[in-house]
Protein backbone atom coordinates (compact mmCIF):
# COMPACT_ATOMS: atom_id res chain seq x y z
CA MET A 1 11.97 -34.26 28.82
CA THR A 2 11.95 -31.05 26.97
CA ALA A 3 10.04 -30.77 23.70
CA THR A 4 11.87 -29.38 20.92
CA THR A 5 10.54 -27.01 18.56
CA GLU A 6 12.18 -27.15 14.44
CA LEU A 7 11.91 -24.04 13.13
CA PRO A 8 11.84 -23.26 9.25
CA GLN A 9 15.12 -23.33 7.81
CA PRO A 10 16.62 -19.65 5.49
CA GLN A 11 16.67 -22.61 3.02
CA SER A 12 12.86 -23.23 3.19
CA ARG A 13 12.05 -19.95 2.96
CA LEU A 14 13.78 -18.92 0.30
CA LYS A 15 12.31 -22.00 -1.06
CA SER A 16 8.45 -20.59 -0.31
CA LEU A 17 9.55 -17.14 -1.60
CA ALA A 18 11.02 -18.75 -4.63
CA VAL A 19 7.52 -19.92 -5.50
CA SER A 20 4.96 -17.11 -4.46
CA ILE A 21 7.56 -14.89 -7.05
CA THR A 22 7.72 -16.62 -9.79
CA PRO A 23 4.45 -17.03 -10.67
CA PRO A 24 4.04 -13.17 -11.39
CA VAL A 25 7.21 -12.88 -12.56
CA VAL A 26 6.80 -15.17 -15.46
CA GLY A 27 3.77 -13.42 -16.22
CA ALA A 28 4.90 -9.88 -16.53
CA LEU A 29 7.92 -11.43 -19.00
CA ILE A 30 5.34 -12.96 -20.69
CA GLY A 31 2.95 -9.72 -21.01
CA LEU A 32 6.07 -8.06 -21.88
CA ALA A 33 6.78 -10.58 -24.58
CA ILE A 34 3.24 -9.89 -26.23
CA GLY A 35 3.03 -5.81 -25.54
CA GLY A 36 6.74 -6.72 -27.40
CA VAL A 37 4.60 -7.50 -30.61
CA LEU A 38 2.26 -5.44 -30.88
CA ILE A 39 5.06 -2.54 -30.43
CA LEU A 40 6.73 -4.01 -33.57
CA LEU A 41 3.22 -4.26 -35.60
CA ALA A 42 3.62 -0.40 -34.68
CA GLY A 43 6.78 0.94 -36.28
CA ALA A 44 8.72 1.21 -32.88
CA ASN A 45 11.92 -0.16 -31.54
CA VAL A 46 10.57 -2.72 -28.09
CA LEU A 47 13.91 -1.53 -26.20
CA GLU A 48 12.86 2.53 -26.47
CA VAL A 49 9.42 2.12 -25.67
CA TYR A 50 9.52 -0.44 -22.65
CA GLY A 51 13.05 1.61 -21.51
CA SER A 52 11.14 5.11 -22.15
CA MET A 53 7.99 2.78 -19.59
CA LEU A 54 10.93 2.29 -17.18
CA ARG A 55 12.32 6.03 -17.00
CA GLY A 56 9.03 7.29 -16.55
CA ALA A 57 8.29 5.21 -13.50
CA PHE A 58 12.14 4.78 -11.53
CA GLY A 59 14.20 6.98 -14.10
CA GLY A 60 14.69 9.50 -10.83
CA GLN A 61 14.24 10.94 -7.74
CA ARG A 62 10.63 13.28 -8.93
CA GLN A 63 9.13 10.06 -10.91
CA ILE A 64 9.86 7.78 -8.40
CA THR A 65 7.88 10.01 -6.09
CA GLU A 66 5.05 9.80 -8.93
CA THR A 67 5.17 5.64 -8.11
CA ILE A 68 4.72 6.26 -4.50
CA LEU A 69 2.21 8.42 -4.75
CA LYS A 70 0.06 6.46 -7.14
CA THR A 71 0.78 3.42 -5.04
CA MET A 72 -1.21 5.41 -1.70
CA PRO A 73 -4.36 4.83 -3.24
CA LEU A 74 -4.46 1.63 -4.85
CA LEU A 75 -3.23 0.55 -1.68
CA MET A 76 -5.74 1.35 0.66
CA VAL A 77 -8.04 0.15 -1.54
CA GLY A 78 -6.61 -3.39 -1.78
CA LEU A 79 -6.46 -3.50 1.78
CA GLY A 80 -9.95 -2.22 1.98
CA LEU A 81 -11.22 -4.72 -0.03
CA THR A 82 -9.05 -7.49 1.48
CA VAL A 83 -10.62 -7.73 4.74
CA ALA A 84 -13.88 -7.97 2.56
CA PHE A 85 -12.95 -10.94 -0.16
CA ARG A 86 -11.45 -12.44 2.86
CA ALA A 87 -14.80 -13.59 4.57
CA LYS A 88 -15.98 -14.00 0.97
CA VAL A 89 -18.03 -10.63 0.86
CA TRP A 90 -17.28 -9.16 -3.02
CA ASN A 91 -17.52 -5.62 -1.90
CA ILE A 92 -16.88 -4.53 -6.24
CA GLY A 93 -18.16 -1.38 -5.09
CA GLY A 94 -14.61 0.59 -4.21
CA GLU A 95 -15.42 3.25 -6.69
CA GLY A 96 -17.94 4.90 -4.96
CA GLN A 97 -17.03 4.59 -1.41
CA PHE A 98 -13.72 6.74 -2.74
CA PHE A 99 -16.14 9.24 -3.60
CA MET A 100 -17.92 9.66 -1.17
CA GLY A 101 -15.40 9.06 1.45
CA ALA A 102 -14.18 12.37 -0.52
CA LEU A 103 -17.69 14.10 -1.09
CA PHE A 104 -17.70 13.70 3.59
CA GLY A 105 -14.12 14.86 4.06
CA SER A 106 -14.22 17.76 1.57
CA VAL A 107 -17.33 19.14 2.87
CA ILE A 108 -15.78 19.09 6.68
CA ALA A 109 -12.09 20.80 5.09
CA LEU A 110 -15.25 23.71 3.62
CA MET A 111 -16.91 24.28 6.09
CA PHE A 112 -14.33 24.33 8.96
CA PRO A 113 -11.86 26.02 7.04
CA GLY A 114 -10.67 28.46 10.13
CA LEU A 115 -9.67 24.87 12.03
CA PRO A 116 -6.55 24.87 13.55
CA ARG A 117 -4.67 22.20 10.89
CA PRO A 118 -4.02 18.82 13.11
CA VAL A 119 -8.14 19.52 14.13
CA LEU A 120 -9.50 20.00 10.68
CA LEU A 121 -6.91 16.75 9.39
CA LEU A 122 -8.51 14.68 11.57
CA MET A 123 -11.23 15.66 11.13
CA MET A 124 -11.40 15.74 7.66
CA LEU A 125 -10.12 11.72 7.66
CA MET A 126 -12.54 10.73 10.41
CA ALA A 127 -15.52 12.31 8.13
CA GLY A 128 -13.70 10.60 4.90
CA ALA A 129 -13.65 7.05 6.22
CA LEU A 130 -17.47 7.66 7.63
CA GLY A 131 -18.24 8.48 4.15
CA GLY A 132 -17.29 5.49 2.75
CA MET A 133 -18.52 3.49 6.06
CA MET A 134 -22.17 4.24 5.51
CA TRP A 135 -21.81 3.60 1.47
CA ALA A 136 -20.69 0.44 1.99
CA LEU A 137 -23.07 -0.70 5.11
CA VAL A 138 -25.87 0.23 2.26
CA ALA A 139 -24.49 -2.83 0.17
CA GLY A 140 -24.34 -5.16 3.57
CA TYR A 141 -27.81 -4.30 5.28
CA MET A 142 -29.69 -5.17 1.57
CA LYS A 143 -27.62 -8.27 1.97
CA ILE A 144 -28.72 -9.71 5.10
CA LYS A 145 -31.87 -7.62 5.26
CA TRP A 146 -33.37 -8.78 1.40
CA ASN A 147 -30.20 -11.37 0.52
CA VAL A 148 -29.79 -8.11 -1.91
CA ASN A 149 -26.30 -9.32 -4.53
CA ILE A 150 -23.92 -7.92 -3.01
CA ILE A 151 -21.40 -7.74 -6.62
CA ILE A 152 -25.08 -6.12 -7.76
CA SER A 153 -25.78 -3.28 -5.57
CA THR A 154 -22.40 -2.47 -4.55
CA LEU A 155 -21.75 -2.52 -8.24
CA MET A 156 -24.53 -0.41 -9.46
CA LEU A 157 -24.29 2.14 -6.10
CA ASN A 158 -20.42 2.62 -7.58
CA TYR A 159 -22.70 4.86 -10.63
CA ILE A 160 -25.07 6.34 -7.82
CA ALA A 161 -22.05 8.49 -5.80
CA VAL A 162 -20.22 8.99 -8.48
CA PHE A 163 -23.07 11.16 -10.22
CA PHE A 164 -24.05 12.34 -7.03
CA VAL A 165 -20.33 13.71 -6.45
CA LEU A 166 -20.14 15.44 -10.01
CA TYR A 167 -23.96 16.97 -8.87
CA MET A 168 -22.45 18.20 -5.63
CA ALA A 169 -19.70 19.29 -7.39
CA ARG A 170 -21.98 21.59 -10.38
CA GLY A 171 -24.14 22.70 -7.97
CA PRO A 172 -24.46 23.00 -4.15
CA LEU A 173 -20.51 22.58 -3.28
CA GLN A 174 -19.11 24.19 -6.71
CA ASP A 175 -16.92 27.53 -6.13
CA PRO A 176 -18.98 31.06 -5.90
CA ASN A 177 -16.12 32.33 -7.77
CA GLY A 178 -15.46 29.85 -10.14
CA TYR A 179 -17.93 28.47 -13.75
CA LEU A 180 -15.96 24.44 -13.94
CA PRO A 181 -17.51 21.96 -11.58
CA GLU A 182 -15.42 21.79 -9.09
CA SER A 183 -15.31 23.82 -5.47
CA ALA A 184 -13.40 26.15 -3.59
CA GLN A 185 -10.08 25.77 -3.15
CA PHE A 186 -9.11 24.29 0.18
CA VAL A 187 -7.27 26.38 2.95
CA LYS A 188 -3.60 25.08 3.64
CA ALA A 189 -4.39 23.83 6.67
CA ALA A 190 -7.51 21.55 4.47
CA ARG A 191 -4.23 19.88 3.18
CA MET A 192 -2.15 17.02 4.25
CA PRO A 193 1.83 18.01 5.24
CA THR A 194 4.72 17.02 2.55
CA PHE A 195 8.00 15.89 3.48
CA PHE A 196 11.67 16.44 2.54
CA GLY A 197 10.75 19.18 0.44
CA THR A 198 8.97 16.29 -2.09
CA ARG A 199 5.29 15.60 -2.89
CA ILE A 200 5.72 12.32 -0.09
CA HIS A 201 2.51 13.81 2.11
CA LEU A 202 1.59 12.15 5.79
CA GLY A 203 -1.26 10.27 3.44
CA VAL A 204 2.19 8.01 2.77
CA LEU A 205 3.28 7.03 6.53
CA LEU A 206 -0.73 6.33 7.49
CA VAL A 207 -0.84 3.52 4.96
CA LEU A 208 2.00 2.31 5.11
CA LEU A 209 1.17 1.76 8.87
CA LEU A 210 -2.22 0.41 7.80
CA VAL A 211 -0.32 -2.36 6.49
CA PRO A 212 0.84 -4.25 9.76
CA ILE A 213 -2.14 -3.26 11.46
CA VAL A 214 -4.80 -5.15 8.42
CA TYR A 215 -2.73 -8.43 8.89
CA ALA A 216 -2.67 -8.31 12.36
CA LEU A 217 -6.73 -8.39 12.72
CA LEU A 218 -6.35 -10.97 10.00
CA TRP A 219 -4.07 -13.37 11.63
CA HIS A 220 -3.53 -12.60 14.66
CA THR A 221 -6.55 -11.99 16.45
CA PRO A 222 -9.75 -14.38 17.16
CA LEU A 223 -12.17 -11.96 14.59
CA GLY A 224 -10.05 -12.37 11.82
CA PHE A 225 -9.72 -16.33 12.58
CA ARG A 226 -13.65 -15.68 12.41
CA LEU A 227 -13.70 -13.75 9.27
CA ARG A 228 -11.67 -16.13 7.94
CA ALA A 229 -13.51 -19.05 8.49
CA VAL A 230 -16.93 -17.62 7.12
CA GLY A 231 -14.84 -16.93 4.08
CA SER A 232 -13.87 -20.91 4.31
CA ARG A 233 -17.21 -22.26 4.88
CA ALA A 234 -20.09 -20.36 5.84
CA SER A 235 -22.51 -23.24 7.27
CA VAL A 236 -19.27 -24.41 9.34
CA ALA A 237 -18.99 -20.99 10.48
CA ARG A 238 -22.41 -20.67 11.56
CA TYR A 239 -21.90 -24.38 13.43
CA ALA A 240 -19.03 -23.33 15.05
CA GLY A 241 -20.77 -20.54 16.33
CA TYR A 242 -19.70 -17.18 14.16
CA SER A 243 -22.68 -14.96 12.79
CA VAL A 244 -22.21 -14.90 9.03
CA ASN A 245 -24.38 -11.60 9.21
CA ARG A 246 -22.21 -9.68 11.64
CA SER A 247 -19.28 -10.59 9.67
CA ILE A 248 -21.08 -9.20 6.55
CA LEU A 249 -21.73 -5.82 8.49
CA PHE A 250 -17.79 -5.47 9.67
CA VAL A 251 -16.27 -6.02 6.92
CA MET A 252 -18.33 -3.91 4.76
CA ALA A 253 -17.87 -1.00 7.29
CA PHE A 254 -13.80 -2.09 7.66
CA SER A 255 -13.46 -2.02 3.69
CA GLY A 256 -15.41 1.05 3.14
CA ALA A 257 -14.12 3.11 5.92
CA LEU A 258 -10.47 2.07 4.27
CA ILE A 259 -11.51 3.08 0.95
CA GLY A 260 -13.24 6.35 2.08
CA LEU A 261 -9.95 7.10 3.55
CA ALA A 262 -8.29 6.87 0.63
CA GLY A 263 -10.93 8.99 -0.75
CA ILE A 264 -10.49 12.52 1.14
CA ILE A 265 -6.73 11.30 1.29
CA GLU A 266 -6.18 11.68 -2.56
CA VAL A 267 -8.53 14.96 -2.53
CA SER A 268 -6.42 16.98 0.12
CA THR A 269 -3.06 16.02 -1.43
CA LEU A 270 -3.71 16.19 -5.28
CA HIS A 271 -6.66 17.80 -6.32
CA THR A 272 -7.15 20.15 -3.03
CA ARG A 273 -10.94 20.58 -3.80
CA LEU A 274 -14.05 18.12 -4.71
CA LYS A 275 -14.62 17.78 -8.51
CA GLY A 276 -15.74 14.91 -9.89
CA GLU A 277 -12.84 13.39 -11.32
CA ILE A 278 -11.18 12.83 -8.90
CA SER A 279 -10.30 8.90 -9.47
CA GLY A 280 -8.22 7.24 -11.96
CA GLY A 281 -10.50 3.91 -11.32
CA TYR A 282 -8.20 3.29 -8.05
CA GLY A 283 -11.94 1.44 -6.69
CA PHE A 284 -11.75 -1.26 -9.55
CA THR A 285 -8.34 -1.19 -10.31
CA GLY A 286 -7.94 -1.57 -6.27
CA ILE A 287 -9.29 -5.17 -6.99
CA LEU A 288 -6.89 -6.48 -9.12
CA VAL A 289 -4.46 -5.55 -6.65
CA ALA A 290 -5.77 -7.16 -3.57
CA LEU A 291 -6.10 -11.02 -6.20
CA LEU A 292 -2.33 -9.99 -7.47
CA GLY A 293 -1.64 -9.62 -4.33
CA ARG A 294 -3.62 -12.66 -3.09
CA MET A 295 -5.42 -11.49 0.19
CA ASN A 296 -2.62 -10.76 1.90
CA PRO A 297 -1.57 -6.61 3.13
CA ILE A 298 2.16 -7.18 2.36
CA GLY A 299 1.55 -9.06 -1.24
CA VAL A 300 -1.36 -6.41 -1.57
CA LEU A 301 1.69 -3.64 -0.65
CA VAL A 302 3.98 -5.79 -3.65
CA ALA A 303 1.29 -5.89 -6.04
CA SER A 304 0.04 -1.85 -5.87
CA PHE A 305 3.62 -0.97 -6.34
CA LEU A 306 4.05 -2.70 -9.23
CA PHE A 307 0.33 -1.50 -10.44
CA ALA A 308 1.61 2.02 -9.90
CA ALA A 309 4.84 1.74 -11.85
CA LEU A 310 3.28 -0.16 -14.87
CA ILE A 311 0.73 3.24 -14.94
CA ILE A 312 3.10 5.19 -14.52
CA GLY A 313 5.21 3.88 -16.81
CA ALA A 314 2.60 3.44 -19.66
CA GLU A 315 1.45 6.63 -19.37
CA SER A 316 5.51 8.22 -19.68
CA MET A 317 5.34 5.41 -22.62
CA HIS A 318 2.51 7.31 -24.54
CA VAL A 319 4.34 10.83 -24.27
CA VAL A 320 7.73 9.73 -24.67
CA SER A 321 7.62 7.13 -27.95
CA GLY A 322 4.08 8.85 -29.63
CA LEU A 323 2.30 5.61 -29.67
CA PRO A 324 -1.56 5.81 -29.24
CA SER A 325 -2.70 5.32 -25.78
CA ALA A 326 -4.57 3.49 -26.64
CA LEU A 327 -1.88 0.47 -27.42
CA ALA A 328 -0.55 2.05 -24.14
CA ASP A 329 -3.93 1.19 -22.19
CA ALA A 330 -3.51 -2.29 -23.98
CA ILE A 331 0.07 -3.30 -23.44
CA GLN A 332 -0.87 -2.24 -19.20
CA ALA A 333 -3.51 -4.15 -19.73
CA ILE A 334 -2.24 -7.76 -21.08
CA ILE A 335 0.56 -7.67 -18.86
CA VAL A 336 -1.71 -7.67 -15.44
CA LEU A 337 -3.93 -10.51 -17.87
CA SER A 338 -0.86 -12.14 -18.32
CA VAL A 339 1.06 -12.08 -14.39
CA LEU A 340 -3.32 -13.17 -13.20
CA ALA A 341 -3.62 -16.11 -16.12
CA VAL A 342 0.09 -17.89 -14.85
CA ASP A 343 -0.71 -17.12 -11.47
CA GLY A 344 -4.39 -19.10 -11.96
CA LEU A 345 -3.01 -22.19 -13.72
CA VAL A 346 -0.23 -22.61 -10.94
CA ARG A 347 -2.99 -22.32 -8.26
CA LYS A 348 -4.89 -25.03 -10.30
CA ARG A 349 -2.03 -27.41 -10.84
CA ARG A 350 -1.61 -27.41 -6.94
CA ASN A 351 -4.97 -27.71 -5.85
CA SER A 352 -5.85 -30.40 -8.10
């Protein structure tokens, strides 16, 4: 007698996909409708404004390239936070870890400009990951040693990291031939190579490779099972012999390393020097990306791309339509909140 295994039917897969996609789509439409009311009150044409927003994100090769480049740091930060959030370790320190990764990697770029390009880039990436990891582990250690609230500690460490990088850019690492609070420009060997005559760089490919790696880690390894078990119920995980403290240290180290890596990649490709303003709030936006992506690497990939398109589109809307930048930011926030609200309501109904 042979056992048979039923495979999921295509119809059920499509239904599951539709159920997952519908709440964000409905939320986005509600947010666009509310934003449309604000646009009307400002005396502008809704269709023209939203058209400029769409063209700003997808209107041509340059626009699509900018959207992809904006996706990269959001995706890497979102992936790092996803691993921590799955274990119910609320790492809110992405911004600080991003800055410290940028600092550590920049020090390598400035100290060893004569190294061959592959060696220099590898050392920069390793240093960036180390910087983010060490900064995240400060909060992790305080949690397991003195039970310090990890949300508060990571949040406060953000400000320390940001101001420390600003100090380094104004002082020890400032370009001796310049007057601005920034380091000397990196040599060409310290910049990520680009492809196809565009600004798409090696970092984009590295981030895309991390999506299946993080997915496999969480759902296809014993370590991932332990992390999810700790996140599901810590007391049960302890009873099963899993170390909650080790899990906290691991997810903070892994999360910080990915976010620090994002920091040095962003500096190497976009700024090509260390300065005080290197982040567009990626550490905080990455929290929304991870939550909207339902803490699933594939969902985080989609969410980061949509966030990037929304950010680029809002900037274009401000420039083209002449609407105040505050209104563009408000519409962007309304769309995000609407998506999160609808998604939360659907989850609540399913669980009730």
